[in-house]
């Protein structure tokens, strides 16, 4: 993965965006030698967000199953709707 200073990226922003879009490789931006940001293709970001959301859902479902297996009390659907003001 490539790196570029924030100052250099600012000076050639259009070129940086085109490079990342075509190559699909992220470009890390540095300030004082430390990575501070990254430029990535928008489609790649969409896929990363979707994957993170899927993982969060899988984790929540596994936690719910574990709570049920441990004997947690079930909450009736009508009660959930009432608690959320949906009735």
PDB file of N, CA and C in Angstrom:
ATOM      1  N   UNK A   1       0.832  -1.168   0.000  1.00  0.00           N
ATOM      2  CA  UNK A   1       0.000   0.000   0.000  1.00  0.00           C
ATOM      3  C   UNK A   1       0.879   1.235   0.000  1.00  0.00           C
ATOM      4  N   UNK A   2       0.457   2.199  -0.750  1.00  0.00           N
ATOM      5  CA  UNK A   2       1.234   3.418  -0.919  1.00  0.00           C
ATOM      6  C   UNK A   2       0.935   4.422   0.183  1.00  0.00           C
ATOM      7  N   UNK A   3       1.876   5.322   0.374  1.00  0.00           N
ATOM      8  CA  UNK A   3       1.684   6.427   1.314  1.00  0.00           C
ATOM      9  C   UNK A   3       2.027   7.729   0.622  1.00  0.00           C
ATOM     10  N   UNK A   4       1.447   8.785   1.134  1.00  0.00           N
ATOM     11  CA  UNK A   4       1.673  10.116   0.597  1.00  0.00           C
ATOM     12  C   UNK A   4       1.427  11.101   1.728  1.00  0.00           C
ATOM     13  N   UNK A   5       2.171  12.175   1.770  1.00  0.00           N
ATOM     14  CA  UNK A   5       1.925  13.168   2.806  1.00  0.00           C
ATOM     15  C   UNK A   5       0.615  13.896   2.500  1.00  0.00           C
ATOM     16  N   UNK A   6       0.007  14.402   3.537  1.00  0.00           N
ATOM     17  CA  UNK A   6      -1.230  15.166   3.368  1.00  0.00           C
ATOM     18  C   UNK A   6      -0.974  16.371   2.466  1.00  0.00           C
ATOM     19  N   UNK A   7       0.144  17.004   2.634  1.00  0.00           N
ATOM     20  CA  UNK A   7       0.489  18.174   1.821  1.00  0.00           C
ATOM     21  C   UNK A   7       0.581  17.800   0.346  1.00  0.00           C
ATOM     22  N   UNK A   8       1.256  16.696   0.036  1.00  0.00           N
ATOM     23  CA  UNK A   8       1.369  16.254  -1.358  1.00  0.00           C
ATOM     24  C   UNK A   8       0.006  15.842  -1.918  1.00  0.00           C
ATOM     25  N   UNK A   9      -0.786  15.186  -1.102  1.00  0.00           N
ATOM     26  CA  UNK A   9      -2.119  14.767  -1.558  1.00  0.00           C
ATOM     27  C   UNK A   9      -2.981  15.977  -1.865  1.00  0.00           C
ATOM     28  N   UNK A  10      -2.895  16.995  -1.043  1.00  0.00           N
ATOM     29  CA  UNK A  10      -3.665  18.220  -1.257  1.00  0.00           C
ATOM     30  C   UNK A  10      -3.271  18.864  -2.587  1.00  0.00           C
ATOM     31  N   UNK A  11      -1.990  18.844  -2.888  1.00  0.00           N
ATOM     32  CA  UNK A  11      -1.502  19.478  -4.112  1.00  0.00           C
ATOM     33  C   UNK A  11      -1.921  18.729  -5.367  1.00  0.00           C
ATOM     34  N   UNK A  12      -2.170  17.418  -5.263  1.00  0.00           N
ATOM     35  CA  UNK A  12      -2.538  16.626  -6.440  1.00  0.00           C
ATOM     36  C   UNK A  12      -3.749  15.737  -6.175  1.00  0.00           C
ATOM     37  N   UNK A  13      -4.770  16.328  -5.563  1.00  0.00           N
ATOM     38  CA  UNK A  13      -5.935  15.584  -5.128  1.00  0.00           C
ATOM     39  C   UNK A  13      -6.617  14.819  -6.260  1.00  0.00           C
ATOM     40  N   UNK A  14      -6.847  15.465  -7.385  1.00  0.00           N
ATOM     41  CA  UNK A  14      -7.528  14.795  -8.502  1.00  0.00           C
ATOM     42  C   UNK A  14      -6.744  13.567  -8.954  1.00  0.00           C
ATOM     43  N   UNK A  15      -5.449  13.685  -9.033  1.00  0.00           N
ATOM     44  CA  UNK A  15      -4.595  12.561  -9.431  1.00  0.00           C
ATOM     45  C   UNK A  15      -4.657  11.431  -8.400  1.00  0.00           C
ATOM     46  N   UNK A  16      -4.662  11.782  -7.118  1.00  0.00           N
ATOM     47  CA  UNK A  16      -4.737  10.790  -6.050  1.00  0.00           C
ATOM     48  C   UNK A  16      -6.053  10.021  -6.136  1.00  0.00           C
ATOM     49  N   UNK A  17      -7.154  10.742  -6.321  1.00  0.00           N
ATOM     50  CA  UNK A  17      -8.465  10.102  -6.411  1.00  0.00           C
ATOM     51  C   UNK A  17      -8.514   9.162  -7.610  1.00  0.00           C
ATOM     52  N   UNK A  18      -8.033   9.615  -8.744  1.00  0.00           N
ATOM     53  CA  UNK A  18      -8.025   8.762  -9.941  1.00  0.00           C
ATOM     54  C   UNK A  18      -7.161   7.523  -9.734  1.00  0.00           C
ATOM     55  N   UNK A  19      -6.006   7.693  -9.115  1.00  0.00           N
ATOM     56  CA  UNK A  19      -5.097   6.564  -8.868  1.00  0.00           C
ATOM     57  C   UNK A  19      -5.776   5.501  -8.019  1.00  0.00           C
ATOM     58  N   UNK A  20      -6.425   5.922  -6.952  1.00  0.00           N
ATOM     59  CA  UNK A  20      -7.079   4.981  -6.046  1.00  0.00           C
ATOM     60  C   UNK A  20      -8.266   4.314  -6.735  1.00  0.00           C
ATOM     61  N   UNK A  21      -9.027   5.089  -7.494  1.00  0.00           N
ATOM     62  CA  UNK A  21     -10.199   4.545  -8.175  1.00  0.00           C
ATOM     63  C   UNK A  21      -9.811   3.487  -9.190  1.00  0.00           C
ATOM     64  N   UNK A  22      -8.750   3.720  -9.929  1.00  0.00           N
ATOM     65  CA  UNK A  22      -8.309   2.787 -10.961  1.00  0.00           C
ATOM     66  C   UNK A  22      -7.583   1.585 -10.372  1.00  0.00           C
ATOM     67  N   UNK A  23      -6.680   1.823  -9.434  1.00  0.00           N
ATOM     68  CA  UNK A  23      -5.854   0.738  -8.895  1.00  0.00           C
ATOM     69  C   UNK A  23      -6.588  -0.103  -7.859  1.00  0.00           C
ATOM     70  N   UNK A  24      -7.623   0.462  -7.230  1.00  0.00           N
ATOM     71  CA  UNK A  24      -8.361  -0.202  -6.141  1.00  0.00           C
ATOM     72  C   UNK A  24      -7.487  -0.435  -4.916  1.00  0.00           C
ATOM     73  N   UNK A  25      -6.301   0.146  -4.883  1.00  0.00           N
ATOM     74  CA  UNK A  25      -5.411   0.030  -3.728  1.00  0.00           C
ATOM     75  C   UNK A  25      -5.562   1.271  -2.858  1.00  0.00           C
ATOM     76  N   UNK A  26      -5.731   1.097  -1.546  1.00  0.00           N
ATOM     77  CA  UNK A  26      -5.832   2.262  -0.663  1.00  0.00           C
ATOM     78  C   UNK A  26      -4.534   3.054  -0.656  1.00  0.00           C
ATOM     79  N   UNK A  27      -4.649   4.322  -0.388  1.00  0.00           N
ATOM     80  CA  UNK A  27      -3.491   5.208  -0.281  1.00  0.00           C
ATOM     81  C   UNK A  27      -3.534   5.836   1.105  1.00  0.00           C
ATOM     82  N   UNK A  28      -2.503   5.589   1.895  1.00  0.00           N
ATOM     83  CA  UNK A  28      -2.451   6.159   3.233  1.00  0.00           C
ATOM     84  C   UNK A  28      -1.857   7.555   3.177  1.00  0.00           C
ATOM     85  N   UNK A  29      -2.460   8.458   3.927  1.00  0.00           N
ATOM     86  CA  UNK A  29      -1.957   9.827   4.027  1.00  0.00           C
ATOM     87  C   UNK A  29      -1.231   9.963   5.354  1.00  0.00           C
ATOM     88  N   UNK A  30      -0.084  10.612   5.307  1.00  0.00           N
ATOM     89  CA  UNK A  30       0.730  10.756   6.509  1.00  0.00           C
ATOM     90  C   UNK A  30       0.920  12.224   6.860  1.00  0.00           C
ATOM     91  N   UNK A  31       1.139  12.431   8.147  1.00  0.00           N
ATOM     92  CA  UNK A  31       1.484  13.761   8.652  1.00  0.00           C
ATOM     93  C   UNK A  31       2.567  13.532   9.697  1.00  0.00           C
ATOM     94  N   UNK A  32       3.689  14.170   9.495  1.00  0.00           N
ATOM     95  CA  UNK A  32       4.857  14.004  10.387  1.00  0.00           C
ATOM     96  C   UNK A  32       5.267  12.541  10.518  1.00  0.00           C
ATOM     97  N   UNK A  33       5.145  11.808   9.406  1.00  0.00           N
ATOM     98  CA  UNK A  33       5.579  10.422   9.364  1.00  0.00           C
ATOM     99  C   UNK A  33       4.589   9.411   9.912  1.00  0.00           C
ATOM    100  N   UNK A  34       3.436   9.869  10.387  1.00  0.00           N
ATOM    101  CA  UNK A  34       2.431   8.955  10.949  1.00  0.00           C
ATOM    102  C   UNK A  34       1.209   8.902  10.053  1.00  0.00           C
ATOM    103  N   UNK A  35       0.659   7.702   9.859  1.00  0.00           N
ATOM    104  CA  UNK A  35      -0.561   7.571   9.068  1.00  0.00           C
ATOM    105  C   UNK A  35      -1.715   8.233   9.801  1.00  0.00           C
ATOM    106  N   UNK A  36      -2.442   9.100   9.085  1.00  0.00           N
ATOM    107  CA  UNK A  36      -3.551   9.819   9.713  1.00  0.00           C
ATOM    108  C   UNK A  36      -4.878   9.589   8.998  1.00  0.00           C
ATOM    109  N   UNK A  37      -4.822   9.108   7.756  1.00  0.00           N
ATOM    110  CA  UNK A  37      -6.048   8.892   6.987  1.00  0.00           C
ATOM    111  C   UNK A  37      -5.732   7.974   5.820  1.00  0.00           C
ATOM    112  N   UNK A  38      -6.800   7.576   5.132  1.00  0.00           N
ATOM    113  CA  UNK A  38      -6.627   6.737   3.948  1.00  0.00           C
ATOM    114  C   UNK A  38      -7.628   7.178   2.898  1.00  0.00           C
ATOM    115  N   UNK A  39      -7.218   7.072   1.653  1.00  0.00           N
ATOM    116  CA  UNK A  39      -8.112   7.314   0.528  1.00  0.00           C
ATOM    117  C   UNK A  39      -8.375   5.946  -0.090  1.00  0.00           C
ATOM    118  N   UNK A  40      -9.669   5.572  -0.168  1.00  0.00           N
ATOM    119  CA  UNK A  40     -10.016   4.290  -0.763  1.00  0.00           C
ATOM    120  C   UNK A  40     -11.136   4.482  -1.765  1.00  0.00           C
ATOM    121  N   UNK A  41     -11.288   3.518  -2.652  1.00  0.00           N
ATOM    122  CA  UNK A  41     -12.351   3.539  -3.640  1.00  0.00           C
ATOM    123  C   UNK A  41     -13.707   3.507  -2.937  1.00  0.00           C
ATOM    124  N   UNK A  42     -14.670   4.285  -3.416  1.00  0.00           N
ATOM    125  CA  UNK A  42     -15.985   4.376  -2.776  1.00  0.00           C
ATOM    126  C   UNK A  42     -16.699   3.029  -2.755  1.00  0.00           C
ATOM    127  N   UNK A  43     -16.595   2.241  -3.824  1.00  0.00           N
ATOM    128  CA  UNK A  43     -17.232   0.923  -3.845  1.00  0.00           C
ATOM    129  C   UNK A  43     -16.614  -0.005  -2.801  1.00  0.00           C
ATOM    130  N   UNK A  44     -15.298   0.092  -2.624  1.00  0.00           N
ATOM    131  CA  UNK A  44     -14.628  -0.706  -1.594  1.00  0.00           C
ATOM    132  C   UNK A  44     -15.117  -0.310  -0.203  1.00  0.00           C
ATOM    133  N   UNK A  45     -15.307   0.987   0.020  1.00  0.00           N
ATOM    134  CA  UNK A  45     -15.817   1.445   1.308  1.00  0.00           C
ATOM    135  C   UNK A  45     -17.225   0.907   1.550  1.00  0.00           C
ATOM    136  N   UNK A  46     -18.079   0.943   0.531  1.00  0.00           N
ATOM    137  CA  UNK A  46     -19.434   0.398   0.668  1.00  0.00           C
ATOM    138  C   UNK A  46     -19.392  -1.070   1.073  1.00  0.00           C
ATOM    139  N   UNK A  47     -18.493  -1.847   0.441  1.00  0.00           N
ATOM    140  CA  UNK A  47     -18.372  -3.266   0.773  1.00  0.00           C
ATOM    141  C   UNK A  47     -17.872  -3.464   2.203  1.00  0.00           C
ATOM    142  N   UNK A  48     -16.932  -2.642   2.629  1.00  0.00           N
ATOM    143  CA  UNK A  48     -16.414  -2.741   3.998  1.00  0.00           C
ATOM    144  C   UNK A  48     -17.491  -2.419   5.032  1.00  0.00           C
ATOM    145  N   UNK A  49     -18.283  -1.396   4.759  1.00  0.00           N
ATOM    146  CA  UNK A  49     -19.362  -1.033   5.675  1.00  0.00           C
ATOM    147  C   UNK A  49     -20.393  -2.147   5.750  1.00  0.00           C
ATOM    148  N   UNK A  50     -20.775  -2.700   4.602  1.00  0.00           N
ATOM    149  CA  UNK A  50     -21.747  -3.796   4.583  1.00  0.00           C
ATOM    150  C   UNK A  50     -21.213  -5.003   5.355  1.00  0.00           C
ATOM    151  N   UNK A  51     -19.938  -5.328   5.173  1.00  0.00           N
ATOM    152  CA  UNK A  51     -19.343  -6.461   5.877  1.00  0.00           C
ATOM    153  C   UNK A  51     -19.317  -6.213   7.385  1.00  0.00           C
ATOM    154  N   UNK A  52     -19.007  -4.992   7.797  1.00  0.00           N
ATOM    155  CA  UNK A  52     -18.987  -4.663   9.227  1.00  0.00           C
ATOM    156  C   UNK A  52     -20.392  -4.765   9.820  1.00  0.00           C
ATOM    157  N   UNK A  53     -21.395  -4.301   9.069  1.00  0.00           N
ATOM    158  CA  UNK A  53     -22.776  -4.400   9.551  1.00  0.00           C
ATOM    159  C   UNK A  53     -23.214  -5.860   9.649  1.00  0.00           C
ATOM    160  N   UNK A  54     -22.847  -6.673   8.662  1.00  0.00           N
ATOM    161  CA  UNK A  54     -23.166  -8.109   8.710  1.00  0.00           C
ATOM    162  C   UNK A  54     -22.527  -8.767   9.922  1.00  0.00           C
ATOM    163  N   UNK A  55     -21.272  -8.452  10.176  1.00  0.00           N
ATOM    164  CA  UNK A  55     -20.576  -9.022  11.322  1.00  0.00           C
ATOM    165  C   UNK A  55     -21.232  -8.605  12.631  1.00  0.00           C
ATOM    166  N   UNK A  56     -21.655  -7.351  12.726  1.00  0.00           N
ATOM    167  CA  UNK A  56     -22.341  -6.885  13.932  1.00  0.00           C
ATOM    168  C   UNK A  56     -23.649  -7.649  14.126  1.00  0.00           C
ATOM    169  N   UNK A  57     -24.385  -7.896  13.035  1.00  0.00           N
ATOM    170  CA  UNK A  57     -25.636  -8.654  13.126  1.00  0.00           C
ATOM    171  C   UNK A  57     -25.377 -10.092  13.570  1.00  0.00           C
ATOM    172  N   UNK A  58     -24.358 -10.709  13.009  1.00  0.00           N
ATOM    173  CA  UNK A  58     -24.016 -12.092  13.373  1.00  0.00           C
ATOM    174  C   UNK A  58     -23.630 -12.167  14.849  1.00  0.00           C
ATOM    175  N   UNK A  59     -22.856 -11.205  15.299  1.00  0.00           N
ATOM    176  CA  UNK A  59     -22.431 -11.167  16.702  1.00  0.00           C
ATOM    177  C   UNK A  59     -23.630 -10.978  17.627  1.00  0.00           C
ATOM    178  N   UNK A  60     -24.540 -10.079  17.261  1.00  0.00           N
ATOM    179  CA  UNK A  60     -25.730  -9.842  18.084  1.00  0.00           C
ATOM    180  C   UNK A  60     -26.619 -11.086  18.131  1.00  0.00           C
ATOM    181  N   UNK A  61     -26.759 -11.766  16.997  1.00  0.00           N
ATOM    182  CA  UNK A  61     -27.575 -12.985  16.962  1.00  0.00           C
ATOM    183  C   UNK A  61     -26.949 -14.073  17.835  1.00  0.00           C
ATOM    184  N   UNK A  62     -25.643 -14.217  17.774  1.00  0.00           N
ATOM    185  CA  UNK A  62     -24.956 -15.220  18.599  1.00  0.00           C
ATOM    186  C   UNK A  62     -25.121 -14.894  20.081  1.00  0.00           C
ATOM    187  N   UNK A  63     -25.043 -13.627  20.427  1.00  0.00           N
ATOM    188  CA  UNK A  63     -25.222 -13.220  21.819  1.00  0.00           C
ATOM    189  C   UNK A  63     -26.653 -13.506  22.281  1.00  0.00           C
ATOM    190  N   UNK A  64     -27.630 -13.230  21.423  1.00  0.00           N
ATOM    191  CA  UNK A  64     -29.026 -13.504  21.770  1.00  0.00           C
ATOM    192  C   UNK A  64     -29.253 -15.001  21.975  1.00  0.00           C
ATOM    193  N   UNK A  65     -28.666 -15.817  21.093  1.00  0.00           N
ATOM    194  CA  UNK A  65     -28.798 -17.266  21.249  1.00  0.00           C
ATOM    195  C   UNK A  65     -28.182 -17.735  22.568  1.00  0.00           C
ATOM    196  N   UNK A  66     -27.020 -17.179  22.894  1.00  0.00           N
ATOM    197  CA  UNK A  66     -26.350 -17.550  24.140  1.00  0.00           C
ATOM    198  C   UNK A  66     -27.197 -17.169  25.351  1.00  0.00           C
ATOM    199  N   UNK A  67     -27.843 -16.006  25.281  1.00  0.00           N
ATOM    200  CA  UNK A  67     -28.708 -15.585  26.381  1.00  0.00           C
ATOM    201  C   UNK A  67     -29.905 -16.519  26.517  1.00  0.00           C
ATOM    202  N   UNK A  68     -30.471 -16.935  25.381  1.00  0.00           N
ATOM    203  CA  UNK A  68     -31.587 -17.887  25.431  1.00  0.00           C
ATOM    204  C   UNK A  68     -31.140 -19.215  26.017  1.00  0.00           C
ATOM    205  N   UNK A  69     -29.980 -19.691  25.586  1.00  0.00           N
ATOM    206  CA  UNK A  69     -29.454 -20.957  26.095  1.00  0.00           C
ATOM    207  C   UNK A  69     -29.179 -20.881  27.600  1.00  0.00           C
ATOM    208  N   UNK A  70     -28.858 -19.671  28.075  1.00  0.00           N
ATOM    209  CA  UNK A  70     -28.572 -19.490  29.500  1.00  0.00           C
ATOM    210  C   UNK A  70     -29.848 -19.323  30.318  1.00  0.00           C
ATOM    211  N   UNK A  71     -31.008 -19.342  29.635  1.00  0.00           N
ATOM    212  CA  UNK A  71     -32.272 -19.282  30.357  1.00  0.00           C
ATOM    213  C   UNK A  71     -32.881 -17.904  30.488  1.00  0.00           C
ATOM    214  N   UNK A  72     -32.433 -16.950  29.701  1.00  0.00           N
ATOM    215  CA  UNK A  72     -33.028 -15.616  29.764  1.00  0.00           C
ATOM    216  C   UNK A  72     -34.514 -15.680  29.433  1.00  0.00           C
ATOM    217  N   UNK A  73     -35.258 -14.806  30.064  1.00  0.00           N
ATOM    218  CA  UNK A  73     -36.699 -14.771  29.863  1.00  0.00           C
ATOM    219  C   UNK A  73     -37.032 -14.169  28.496  1.00  0.00           C
ATOM    220  N   UNK A  74     -37.964 -14.806  27.801  1.00  0.00           N
ATOM    221  CA  UNK A  74     -38.414 -14.293  26.508  1.00  0.00           C
ATOM    222  C   UNK A  74     -39.366 -13.124  26.725  1.00  0.00           C
ATOM    223  N   UNK A  75     -39.301 -12.144  25.817  1.00  0.00           N
ATOM    224  CA  UNK A  75     -40.205 -11.002  25.863  1.00  0.00           C
ATOM    225  C   UNK A  75     -41.184 -11.156  24.711  1.00  0.00           C
ATOM    226  N   UNK A  76     -42.480 -11.196  24.999  1.00  0.00           N
ATOM    227  CA  UNK A  76     -43.463 -11.358  23.928  1.00  0.00           C
ATOM    228  C   UNK A  76     -43.401 -10.197  22.928  1.00  0.00           C
ATOM    229  N   UNK A  77     -43.649 -10.508  21.658  1.00  0.00           N
ATOM    230  CA  UNK A  77     -43.592  -9.528  20.580  1.00  0.00           C
ATOM    231  C   UNK A  77     -44.516  -8.345  20.863  1.00  0.00           C
ATOM    232  N   UNK A  78     -45.695  -8.585  21.378  1.00  0.00           N
ATOM    233  CA  UNK A  78     -46.624  -7.499  21.684  1.00  0.00           C
ATOM    234  C   UNK A  78     -46.029  -6.541  22.709  1.00  0.00           C
ATOM    235  N   UNK A  79     -45.279  -7.068  23.658  1.00  0.00           N
ATOM    236  CA  UNK A  79     -44.636  -6.220  24.666  1.00  0.00           C
ATOM    237  C   UNK A  79     -43.523  -5.382  24.043  1.00  0.00           C
ATOM    238  N   UNK A  80     -42.758  -5.982  23.141  1.00  0.00           N
ATOM    239  CA  UNK A  80     -41.687  -5.249  22.457  1.00  0.00           C
ATOM    240  C   UNK A  80     -42.283  -4.086  21.678  1.00  0.00           C
ATOM    241  N   UNK A  81     -43.351  -4.350  20.916  1.00  0.00           N
ATOM    242  CA  UNK A  81     -43.996  -3.277  20.134  1.00  0.00           C
ATOM    243  C   UNK A  81     -44.517  -2.181  21.063  1.00  0.00           C
ATOM    244  N   UNK A  82     -45.099  -2.556  22.179  1.00  0.00           N
ATOM    245  CA  UNK A  82     -45.623  -1.566  23.107  1.00  0.00           C
ATOM    246  C   UNK A  82     -44.486  -0.729  23.689  1.00  0.00           C
ATOM    247  N   UNK A  83     -43.397  -1.389  24.058  1.00  0.00           N
ATOM    248  CA  UNK A  83     -42.241  -0.675  24.624  1.00  0.00           C
ATOM    249  C   UNK A  83     -41.657   0.324  23.633  1.00  0.00           C
ATOM    250  N   UNK A  84     -41.735  -0.003  22.335  1.00  0.00           N
ATOM    251  CA  UNK A  84     -41.185   0.879  21.300  1.00  0.00           C
ATOM    252  C   UNK A  84     -42.212   1.883  20.797  1.00  0.00           C
ATOM    253  N   UNK A  85     -43.424   1.835  21.346  1.00  0.00           N
ATOM    254  CA  UNK A  85     -44.470   2.769  20.918  1.00  0.00           C
ATOM    255  C   UNK A  85     -45.016   2.460  19.536  1.00  0.00           C
ATOM    256  N   UNK A  86     -45.002   1.201  19.169  1.00  0.00           N
ATOM    257  CA  UNK A  86     -45.457   0.804  17.830  1.00  0.00           C
ATOM    258  C   UNK A  86     -46.897   0.285  17.825  1.00  0.00           C
ATOM    259  N   UNK A  87     -47.563   0.351  18.962  1.00  0.00           N
ATOM    260  CA  UNK A  87     -48.955  -0.127  19.008  1.00  0.00           C
ATOM    261  C   UNK A  87     -49.898   1.009  19.274  1.00  0.00           C
TER     262      UNK A  87
END
